[in-house]
Amino acid sequence: MASRSVSLSRLPWRLASSRTFTTPPPVSVSVRHTPSHLGTNRFHVTQRRFFAGHTPDRIPVSVSSLYSRVDKEPILAEIQRRREERGLSIDAVAVELGFTNVYTAQILMLQAPLPERMKETLKGLLGLDEETLSEMGRIPHRRYDEDVLQEPTIYRVHEALMHYADSIKLLINEKCGDGIMSAIDFNFEIEKIKGSKGEDRVKLVMDGKFLPFTEQVKEQK
């Protein structure tokens, strides 16, 4: 049996309450290593000590309790009503917030959190009350209704992605390597442009960080 101590400057965030996350302070961890009868390695944390005088940083992050589109509907209807009353397009709101129009739409659809620094700006634009702005600032449950694929606008975009899927993968791999495009470190914008014959056309611009697959190297003894 072998024993060793490991110093960790930080542990992953843990849930301190139903609504608030905290970042724990530096800790000292004693780890006992015991090979199992199957030949695999087992590690057991036997001690944790917080350094004296350290106060954990408290980061007030609220998580929304609204799970489904039905739960969100009253707030969504109010946001839409206020926007229509003021004649504001999503592009106009996006300019004031400094975000892409798709990300702005995500905020207005409760699919992305409204940053604290933008609350007064949006309040001035739409005249929303504090309760609504507070809910918009919470971390949302990012969900979609599977029935949305029956909507022709969405179905055709989905159809295009599926039809071109193999070519999209081929080009991403050829240009960047073995990996994927992130949908987290990601920018998305929708533009209306004119075609060569003067017709209206839709332009979707997706810009995501390339994330390579990692090699899973087994530690050699």
Foldseek 3Di string as FASTA:
>chain_A
DDKDKDWDQWDDWDDPDPFWIWTAGTWIWIWDWDQDPVRDIDIDTDDIDHDPPDDIDTDGAGAAPQADLVSCVVLLVLLVVLCVVLVHDLVNVCVQLVAASVVSVCLSSLQAADDPVCLVVVCVRRVDDPVSNVNSRHGYNRDDDPCVCVPVVNVVVVVVCVVCVVVVVVVCCVVPNAFDFDPVQKGWHWDWDADPVRDIDIDIDIDGDTDHDDDDDDDDD
